[in-house]
Protein backbone atom coordinates (compact mmCIF):
# COMPACT_ATOMS: atom_id res chain seq x y z
CA MET A 1 101.40 135.46 104.88
CA ALA A 2 100.15 133.48 102.03
CA THR A 3 101.62 129.67 102.00
CA PRO A 4 102.63 128.67 98.67
CA GLY A 5 100.17 126.43 97.91
CA VAL A 6 97.81 129.25 98.37
CA GLU A 7 99.71 131.65 96.61
CA PHE A 8 99.21 129.30 93.20
CA VAL A 9 95.48 128.81 93.53
CA THR A 10 94.65 132.50 94.15
CA ASP A 11 96.99 134.14 90.85
CA PRO A 12 96.06 133.22 87.90
CA ALA A 13 100.08 134.74 86.18
CA THR A 14 101.58 132.81 88.76
CA THR A 15 99.35 129.16 87.69
CA LEU A 16 100.12 130.37 83.96
CA GLN A 17 103.52 130.64 84.22
CA LEU A 18 103.79 127.09 86.27
CA LEU A 19 101.17 124.91 83.60
CA ALA A 20 103.89 126.70 80.93
CA TRP A 21 106.93 125.19 82.72
CA VAL A 22 105.14 121.69 82.92
CA LEU A 23 103.78 121.49 79.28
CA GLY A 24 107.70 122.53 77.92
CA GLY A 25 108.91 119.52 80.48
CA VAL A 26 106.05 117.45 78.46
CA VAL A 27 107.98 118.07 75.38
CA LEU A 28 111.40 118.19 76.59
CA GLY A 29 109.99 114.76 77.78
CA SER A 30 108.29 113.38 74.72
CA LEU A 31 111.88 114.39 72.53
CA SER A 32 113.75 111.96 74.71
CA GLY A 33 111.75 109.07 74.92
CA LEU A 34 111.04 109.02 71.23
CA VAL A 35 115.27 108.65 70.93
CA PRO A 36 115.96 105.29 70.69
CA GLY A 37 118.21 104.18 73.65
CA LEU A 38 118.23 107.29 75.30
CA HIS A 39 117.82 105.65 78.94
CA ALA A 40 115.78 107.62 81.68
CA ASN A 41 119.26 108.25 83.81
CA ASN A 42 121.24 109.86 81.16
CA PHE A 43 118.66 111.89 80.06
CA ALA A 44 118.30 112.93 83.47
CA LEU A 45 122.07 114.09 84.22
CA LEU A 46 121.99 115.72 80.98
CA LEU A 47 118.92 117.99 82.20
CA ALA A 48 120.96 117.93 85.60
CA GLY A 49 123.65 119.04 83.71
CA PHE A 50 121.98 122.73 82.79
CA ALA A 51 119.21 123.16 84.92
CA PRO A 52 120.91 125.23 86.90
CA SER A 53 121.53 127.72 84.95
CA ILE A 54 118.00 128.17 82.92
CA PRO A 55 116.31 131.29 84.07
CA GLY A 56 113.22 130.41 86.29
CA PRO A 57 112.25 129.97 90.17
CA PRO A 58 113.43 126.51 91.42
CA LEU A 59 110.27 125.05 92.03
CA PHE A 60 109.45 125.74 88.58
CA VAL A 61 112.71 124.17 86.95
CA GLY A 62 112.09 121.30 89.35
CA CYS A 63 107.93 120.64 88.10
CA ALA A 64 109.40 120.91 84.08
CA MET A 65 112.15 118.32 85.32
CA LEU A 66 109.35 115.99 86.94
CA ALA A 67 107.29 117.07 84.06
CA ALA A 68 109.87 115.74 81.74
CA GLY A 69 110.87 112.24 83.78
CA VAL A 70 106.94 111.23 83.83
CA VAL A 71 106.13 111.85 79.77
CA HIS A 72 109.58 110.25 79.21
CA THR A 73 108.26 106.67 80.84
CA PHE A 74 105.18 107.34 78.07
CA LEU A 75 106.82 108.04 75.49
CA ASN A 76 109.82 105.86 75.48
CA ALA A 77 107.45 102.92 75.18
CA VAL A 78 106.71 103.66 71.37
CA PRO A 79 110.59 103.52 69.51
CA ALA A 80 110.56 100.24 71.93
CA MET A 81 107.47 98.78 69.87
CA ALA A 82 108.37 99.59 66.74
CA LEU A 83 112.25 98.95 67.09
CA GLY A 84 113.60 95.56 66.98
CA VAL A 85 111.05 93.68 65.80
CA PRO A 86 112.46 90.30 64.92
CA ASP A 87 111.37 87.91 62.28
CA ALA A 88 108.52 86.02 63.05
CA GLU A 89 110.23 83.19 62.67
CA MET A 90 111.95 84.17 66.29
CA ALA A 91 108.75 85.37 67.91
CA VAL A 92 109.03 82.72 70.36
CA THR A 93 111.62 84.34 71.60
CA ALA A 94 110.62 88.42 71.37
CA LEU A 95 109.73 90.78 73.55
CA PRO A 96 106.05 90.66 74.84
CA ALA A 97 105.39 93.96 72.73
CA HIS A 98 106.99 93.07 69.27
CA ARG A 99 104.96 89.56 69.34
CA MET A 100 101.68 91.91 69.77
CA VAL A 101 102.92 94.07 66.54
CA LEU A 102 103.83 90.67 64.85
CA GLU A 103 100.28 89.67 64.62
CA GLY A 104 99.60 93.23 64.11
CA ARG A 105 98.52 94.26 67.40
CA GLY A 106 100.26 97.78 67.96
CA TYR A 107 98.29 99.86 68.28
CA GLU A 108 96.50 97.69 70.94
CA ALA A 109 99.89 97.32 72.35
CA ILE A 110 100.15 100.87 72.78
CA ARG A 111 97.24 101.21 74.09
CA LEU A 112 97.36 99.07 76.59
CA SER A 113 101.43 100.58 77.49
CA ALA A 114 99.28 103.94 77.38
CA LEU A 115 96.76 102.57 80.25
CA GLY A 116 99.82 101.33 82.17
CA SER A 117 101.33 104.47 83.07
CA ILE A 118 97.75 106.86 83.19
CA LEU A 119 97.26 104.33 85.91
CA ALA A 120 99.85 104.02 88.22
CA VAL A 121 99.80 107.73 88.11
CA LEU A 122 96.50 107.97 89.39
CA ALA A 123 97.06 105.07 91.67
CA ALA A 124 100.73 105.60 92.64
CA VAL A 125 99.39 109.91 93.94
CA PRO A 126 96.97 108.89 96.87
CA LEU A 127 98.74 105.68 97.94
CA ALA A 128 102.12 107.38 97.88
CA LEU A 129 101.34 108.73 101.28
CA PRO A 130 101.09 105.59 103.28
CA ILE A 131 102.62 103.71 101.24
CA THR A 132 106.11 105.94 101.52
CA TRP A 133 104.88 105.79 105.44
CA GLY A 134 105.24 101.68 105.89
CA VAL A 135 108.19 101.52 103.89
CA THR A 136 110.44 104.11 105.59
CA ALA A 137 109.05 102.25 108.60
CA ALA A 138 110.72 99.21 107.12
CA TYR A 139 113.53 100.99 105.71
CA PRO A 140 116.12 99.89 107.65
CA THR A 141 114.94 96.74 107.68
CA ILE A 142 115.35 96.43 104.62
CA ARG A 143 119.13 97.42 104.01
CA ASP A 144 120.08 95.29 106.75
CA HIS A 145 119.24 92.55 104.64
CA LEU A 146 119.59 94.07 100.69
CA ALA A 147 121.69 91.08 100.01
CA LEU A 148 119.12 88.45 100.97
CA LEU A 149 116.42 90.25 99.90
CA LEU A 150 118.27 90.34 96.50
CA ALA A 151 119.18 86.53 96.23
CA MET A 152 115.80 85.68 96.81
CA VAL A 153 114.47 87.82 94.02
CA VAL A 154 117.27 85.96 91.53
CA VAL A 155 116.80 82.94 93.04
CA ALA A 156 112.71 83.37 91.96
CA LEU A 157 113.27 85.28 88.34
CA VAL A 158 115.61 81.88 87.85
CA ALA A 159 113.21 79.74 89.10
CA SER A 160 110.05 80.94 87.12
CA GLU A 161 111.78 79.67 84.06
CA ARG A 162 109.49 77.03 82.30
CA THR A 163 112.35 74.64 80.73
CA TRP A 164 115.24 73.49 82.10
CA ARG A 165 117.19 74.97 78.89
CA GLY A 166 115.63 78.74 80.18
CA ARG A 167 116.60 78.74 83.88
CA VAL A 168 120.40 77.46 82.76
CA GLY A 169 120.10 80.15 80.01
CA ALA A 170 118.98 82.48 82.66
CA ILE A 171 121.62 81.25 85.39
CA VAL A 172 124.62 82.03 82.87
CA SER A 173 123.09 85.06 81.43
CA PHE A 174 122.93 86.83 85.11
CA ALA A 175 126.67 85.81 86.13
CA LEU A 176 128.19 87.31 82.68
CA ALA A 177 125.61 90.48 83.10
CA ALA A 178 126.95 90.26 86.73
CA VAL A 179 130.64 90.52 85.87
CA LEU A 180 130.42 92.42 82.89
CA GLY A 181 128.66 95.15 85.98
CA LEU A 182 131.14 94.75 88.45
CA LEU A 183 134.33 95.48 85.13
CA THR A 184 132.65 98.44 84.63
CA LEU A 185 130.25 100.68 86.42
CA ASP A 186 132.70 102.56 88.69
CA PHE A 187 134.36 103.03 85.38
CA SER A 188 134.12 107.07 85.03
CA PRO A 189 135.64 107.42 81.57
CA ASP A 190 136.73 110.44 79.77
CA ALA A 191 133.40 111.73 77.22
CA PRO A 192 132.55 114.43 75.34
CA LEU A 193 129.15 114.77 77.57
CA GLU A 194 129.51 113.86 81.29
CA ALA A 195 125.76 112.06 81.36
CA GLY A 196 125.10 109.26 83.81
CA GLY A 197 128.31 106.66 83.25
CA MET A 198 128.27 103.57 82.28
CA LEU A 199 124.36 103.13 81.86
CA ALA A 200 124.35 104.22 78.55
CA PRO A 201 126.12 101.78 76.84
CA LEU A 202 125.50 98.85 79.07
CA PHE A 203 121.59 99.76 78.96
CA ALA A 204 121.83 99.79 75.12
CA GLY A 205 124.11 96.62 74.62
CA LEU A 206 122.28 94.28 76.84
CA PHE A 207 118.96 95.38 76.31
CA GLY A 208 118.80 97.54 72.83
CA ALA A 209 121.62 96.15 70.44
CA PRO A 210 120.20 92.20 70.71
CA VAL A 211 116.69 92.49 69.62
CA LEU A 212 117.78 95.01 67.12
CA ILE A 213 120.49 92.20 66.25
CA ASP A 214 117.84 89.98 65.28
CA ALA A 215 115.54 92.31 63.65
CA ILE A 216 117.74 93.23 60.86
CA ARG A 217 116.69 89.59 59.40
CA GLY A 218 113.14 90.32 59.65
CA SER A 219 110.69 91.59 57.49
CA GLY A 220 109.62 94.54 59.14
CA ILE A 221 106.52 95.91 60.51
CA PRO A 222 103.19 93.50 59.57
CA PRO A 223 100.42 95.68 58.82
CA GLN A 224 98.41 96.75 61.58
CA HIS A 225 94.90 96.50 62.54
CA GLY A 226 92.25 97.43 64.90
CA ASP A 227 92.72 98.97 68.40
CA ALA A 228 90.30 97.27 70.32
CA ILE A 229 91.94 95.45 73.74
CA ALA A 230 91.48 92.53 74.20
CA MET A 231 91.60 92.27 77.93
CA SER A 232 88.90 92.81 80.23
CA HIS A 233 88.67 96.53 81.85
CA PRO A 234 88.97 95.11 85.55
CA LEU A 235 92.28 92.89 84.72
CA VAL A 236 93.64 95.89 82.97
CA GLY A 237 93.17 98.08 85.96
CA ALA A 238 93.82 95.48 88.41
CA THR A 239 97.77 95.48 86.61
CA ALA A 240 97.78 98.61 86.23
CA ILE A 241 97.05 99.36 90.12
CA ALA A 242 98.89 96.20 91.02
CA GLY A 243 102.37 97.85 88.45
CA ALA A 244 101.83 101.43 90.83
CA LEU A 245 102.21 99.10 94.43
CA ALA A 246 105.32 97.07 92.78
CA GLY A 247 106.69 100.78 91.38
CA ALA A 248 107.07 101.72 94.85
CA VAL A 249 109.27 98.73 95.25
CA VAL A 250 111.45 100.09 92.20
CA GLY A 251 111.76 103.68 93.92
CA TYR A 252 112.98 102.32 97.25
CA ILE A 253 115.09 99.18 96.71
CA PRO A 254 118.84 99.20 94.19
CA GLY A 255 118.75 96.65 91.36
CA ILE A 256 115.04 96.22 91.15
CA SER A 257 113.70 97.45 87.71
CA ALA A 258 110.25 97.94 86.40
CA ALA A 259 110.88 94.50 84.57
CA ILE A 260 111.60 92.37 87.63
CA ALA A 261 108.63 93.90 89.07
CA ALA A 262 106.33 93.33 86.17
CA VAL A 263 107.91 90.14 85.95
CA ALA A 264 106.51 89.89 90.21
CA VAL A 265 103.20 91.15 89.23
CA LEU A 266 102.10 89.02 87.21
CA LEU A 267 101.91 85.92 89.72
CA PHE A 268 99.92 87.93 92.00
CA VAL A 269 97.41 89.24 89.28
CA PRO A 270 94.68 87.02 88.65
CA GLY A 271 93.74 85.74 85.36
CA ARG A 272 96.12 84.52 82.33
CA SER A 273 96.87 88.20 80.95
CA GLY A 274 100.43 87.32 78.96
CA ASP A 275 102.09 89.99 76.82
CA ARG A 276 99.37 92.02 77.70
CA GLY A 277 99.75 91.82 80.86
CA TYR A 278 103.23 92.02 80.88
CA ILE A 279 102.88 95.64 78.86
CA VAL A 280 100.18 96.75 81.55
CA ALA A 281 102.37 96.30 84.55
CA THR A 282 105.76 96.98 82.88
CA SER A 283 104.08 100.47 81.95
CA GLY A 284 103.00 100.77 85.24
CA VAL A 285 105.94 99.99 86.94
CA ASP A 286 107.95 102.25 85.01
CA THR A 287 105.44 105.14 85.28
CA ALA A 288 104.82 104.95 89.22
CA ASN A 289 108.98 104.97 90.04
CA THR A 290 108.70 108.74 89.20
CA ILE A 291 106.38 109.50 91.66
CA PHE A 292 107.84 107.25 94.64
CA ALA A 293 110.78 108.29 93.42
CA LEU A 294 109.91 111.63 94.74
CA PHE A 295 108.33 110.42 98.26
CA ALA A 296 111.91 108.10 98.38
CA LEU A 297 113.76 111.86 98.15
CA VAL A 298 111.26 113.33 100.66
CA ALA A 299 111.04 110.08 103.38
CA ILE A 300 115.18 109.23 103.92
CA GLY A 301 116.69 111.80 101.52
CA GLN A 302 118.13 109.52 99.24
CA PRO A 303 117.33 110.35 95.51
CA ARG A 304 116.88 106.88 93.46
CA THR A 305 116.72 108.19 90.47
CA GLY A 306 117.77 110.35 87.65
CA VAL A 307 115.58 112.08 87.51
CA MET A 308 115.86 112.53 91.15
CA VAL A 309 119.45 113.44 90.97
CA ALA A 310 118.44 116.64 88.33
CA PHE A 311 115.54 117.43 90.96
CA GLU A 312 118.06 118.39 93.73
CA SER A 313 120.94 120.09 91.43
CA VAL A 314 118.36 122.84 91.13
CA ASP A 315 117.33 123.43 94.53
CA ALA A 316 113.70 122.86 94.12
CA PRO A 317 111.09 122.76 97.14
CA LEU A 318 109.23 119.83 98.18
CA GLU A 319 106.09 121.14 97.74
CA LEU A 320 104.47 118.52 96.82
CA PRO A 321 100.72 119.06 96.26
CA ILE A 322 102.09 121.65 92.98
CA LEU A 323 104.62 118.79 92.12
CA LEU A 324 102.01 116.15 92.01
CA ALA A 325 99.26 118.76 89.94
CA GLY A 326 102.36 118.87 87.59
CA VAL A 327 102.55 114.98 87.30
CA VAL A 328 99.31 114.42 87.20
CA LEU A 329 99.07 116.92 84.58
CA ALA A 330 102.25 115.33 82.44
CA GLY A 331 100.50 112.01 82.86
CA LEU A 332 97.33 113.26 81.44
CA LEU A 333 99.07 114.69 78.14
CA GLY A 334 101.65 111.69 78.13
CA PHE A 335 98.63 109.25 78.06
CA VAL A 336 97.12 110.86 74.94
CA LEU A 337 100.73 111.45 73.15
CA VAL A 338 101.63 108.27 73.16
CA ILE A 339 98.71 107.07 71.65
CA VAL A 340 98.81 109.55 68.67
CA VAL A 341 102.59 109.66 68.07
CA GLY A 342 102.70 105.50 68.89
CA ASP A 343 99.98 105.23 65.79
CA ALA A 344 101.94 107.10 63.64
CA TYR A 345 105.06 105.82 64.26
CA LEU A 346 104.30 102.56 63.70
CA GLU A 347 103.25 103.27 60.16
CA ALA A 348 105.53 105.43 59.45
CA VAL A 349 108.45 102.32 60.31
CA GLY A 350 106.17 99.89 58.63
CA ARG A 351 106.80 101.82 55.17
CA ILE A 352 110.87 102.00 55.46
CA ALA A 353 112.84 98.92 54.89
CA TYR A 354 113.68 97.49 58.18
CA TRP A 355 116.77 96.38 57.68
CA LYS A 356 117.73 100.28 57.53
CA ILE A 357 116.16 101.21 60.27
CA SER A 358 117.57 98.64 62.41
CA VAL A 359 121.48 99.55 60.85
CA ALA A 360 120.65 103.43 61.62
CA VAL A 361 119.32 102.60 65.13
CA LEU A 362 122.76 99.80 65.98
CA ALA A 363 124.75 103.49 64.82
CA LEU A 364 122.80 105.19 67.15
CA LEU A 365 123.35 103.59 69.79
CA LEU A 366 127.08 102.96 69.18
CA ALA A 367 127.03 107.28 69.16
CA LEU A 368 125.25 107.54 72.16
CA SER A 369 127.66 105.15 73.77
CA TYR A 370 130.50 107.26 72.83
CA LEU A 371 128.97 111.24 73.71
CA PHE A 372 128.40 109.11 77.26
CA THR A 373 131.36 107.40 77.70
CA GLY A 374 133.59 107.78 74.95
CA VAL A 375 135.90 105.02 73.23
CA VAL A 376 135.82 102.61 76.41
CA GLY A 377 131.65 103.23 76.22
CA ILE A 378 132.04 101.72 72.60
CA VAL A 379 133.84 98.70 73.82
CA VAL A 380 131.69 97.95 76.54
CA PHE A 381 128.54 98.16 74.68
CA CYS A 382 129.91 95.35 72.37
CA VAL A 383 130.85 93.34 74.71
CA ALA A 384 127.58 93.56 76.57
CA ALA A 385 125.57 93.13 72.97
CA ALA A 386 127.32 89.69 72.91
CA ILE A 387 125.90 88.44 76.57
CA GLY A 388 122.51 90.36 75.32
CA MET A 389 122.33 87.91 72.71
CA VAL A 390 122.42 84.39 75.60
CA PRO A 391 119.01 84.44 77.10
CA ILE A 392 117.81 85.32 73.56
CA ARG A 393 119.36 81.86 72.40
CA PHE A 394 118.57 80.05 75.60
CA ARG A 395 115.31 81.18 75.50
CA ALA A 396 115.23 82.64 78.51
CA ARG A 397 113.92 86.17 80.04
CA ARG A 398 116.17 89.18 79.21
CA VAL A 399 115.30 90.00 82.98
CA HIS A 400 118.56 88.06 84.33
CA LEU A 401 120.93 90.76 82.45
CA MET A 402 119.70 92.84 85.07
CA GLY A 403 122.63 90.99 86.93
CA VAL A 404 124.32 94.07 85.82
CA LEU A 405 123.11 95.81 88.96
CA ILE A 406 122.41 92.80 90.92
CA GLY A 407 125.60 91.55 91.27
CA PRO A 408 127.36 94.31 91.91
CA LEU A 409 125.07 95.42 95.02
CA LEU A 410 125.57 91.66 96.41
CA VAL A 411 129.50 91.52 96.03
CA GLY A 412 129.42 95.18 97.68
CA PHE A 413 127.55 93.34 101.03
C-alpha cells in the first residue's frame, strides 16, 4: 500500500488537484492581506467558520488554509506601508516603513519586506525540525517560568528606549494597554460574525487608528523613486534568518509578537540596519511564525495561531512533507505578488486625496470592529485608539502596546 507522500508524487491528477487548492489559498490570503485592519487571527477564524463545509479532502483544505495564512503575512505589509503615512514633520514618531515611504523609498521597503518573508520561509523549513526538538525539550521549563520570561521581556523593551521620555511613555503605554486587555479580552459579545472576539477592535484601535489619525493631516505619499536595496545582501540574509529563528519563539511563547521579536533580532544582528533591518526582521518573524506554529501543533498539540485553530477545525492530517511543500509554493507566489501588487498599491494610493483614504480606512476599521464584536467593539476600538496615541506622543515604540496581551498573561500566573 502506497504512502500518502508516494501517492502525491506518482499521481499527476492528485498533484494537480493539490496545486489548485494551494492556489485557491494564495488568492484568498492575497485578498485578506490587502484589507486594512483585518488581523490574521480574525481572518483565520473566519476560515474556520466555513472551512468544514467546503467539499474536499481535509488535507487539501488544510493546505489551502496554510497557504492563505502564509500569503496573508506577505501581503498585509502592503496596506501597512501605504496607509497611515503621516506628515513629514511627524517622521520621528512614524513607523519604519512609513519613514521610508516619506523618503521616497517605498518600493525598496516593499522589496525588503518580501525578501524578509521569503528568506524566512526558506530558512524555517529546514530549521523547523531541530528547533522544534530543542524547544519541545525546553517547553516544560518555559511554561513553568513564563511569567518571569515575559517580565524580563517587558523590562528589556522599556530599557531599550533611548530617552527617559521614551521610557516613561513605554511604561505608561504598557500599563494602559495591559489594563485594557484585562478588562476586555475575555469578553464574548454578540456580533454579526463569530470570528476572533476582541482582538479585532483591540489591535485595530491600538495599532491602526493612531497612525491613520495622524495621517489625516499629512500630505499623502510623496513621489517614490528607485527600488534598489540599500542594504548589503549578507545583512539582509542574516537579518531574515534571525527573524526566522525569532519566529520560533513567537510560535511557542504566548504574548511575544513579531514586533517584539524584531526588536530583539536587531540587537543581535551585526551592523546598523535601522529601519531597513526592522522591516526585514518583522516580515521574517511574521511569516516564519506560520511555519513554526504548524510544528508546534505537531510537537505539543496546541494551536498557537488563528491559522492553526482553523487548520484543526477541518481535521486535516499532519502530513508534514505535503503541507510544507504547499507552504513553500505559497511563499514563492507571495513573494512575487507582494512586489507586483505593492508597487501598484502605492501608486494608486498616491493619486488619491490622503485625508479621504485615512477617513475611509478608519470607517472600515470601525465596521470590522462592529462585525466581529458588535457595539461593544466600537467602544473598545475608541478607547484603544486613545491609548494607542500615548507612545506616539511620548516618542516611544508602539511595541509596548503589546501589554494588551502580556499583561493578562502576567496576571494569570
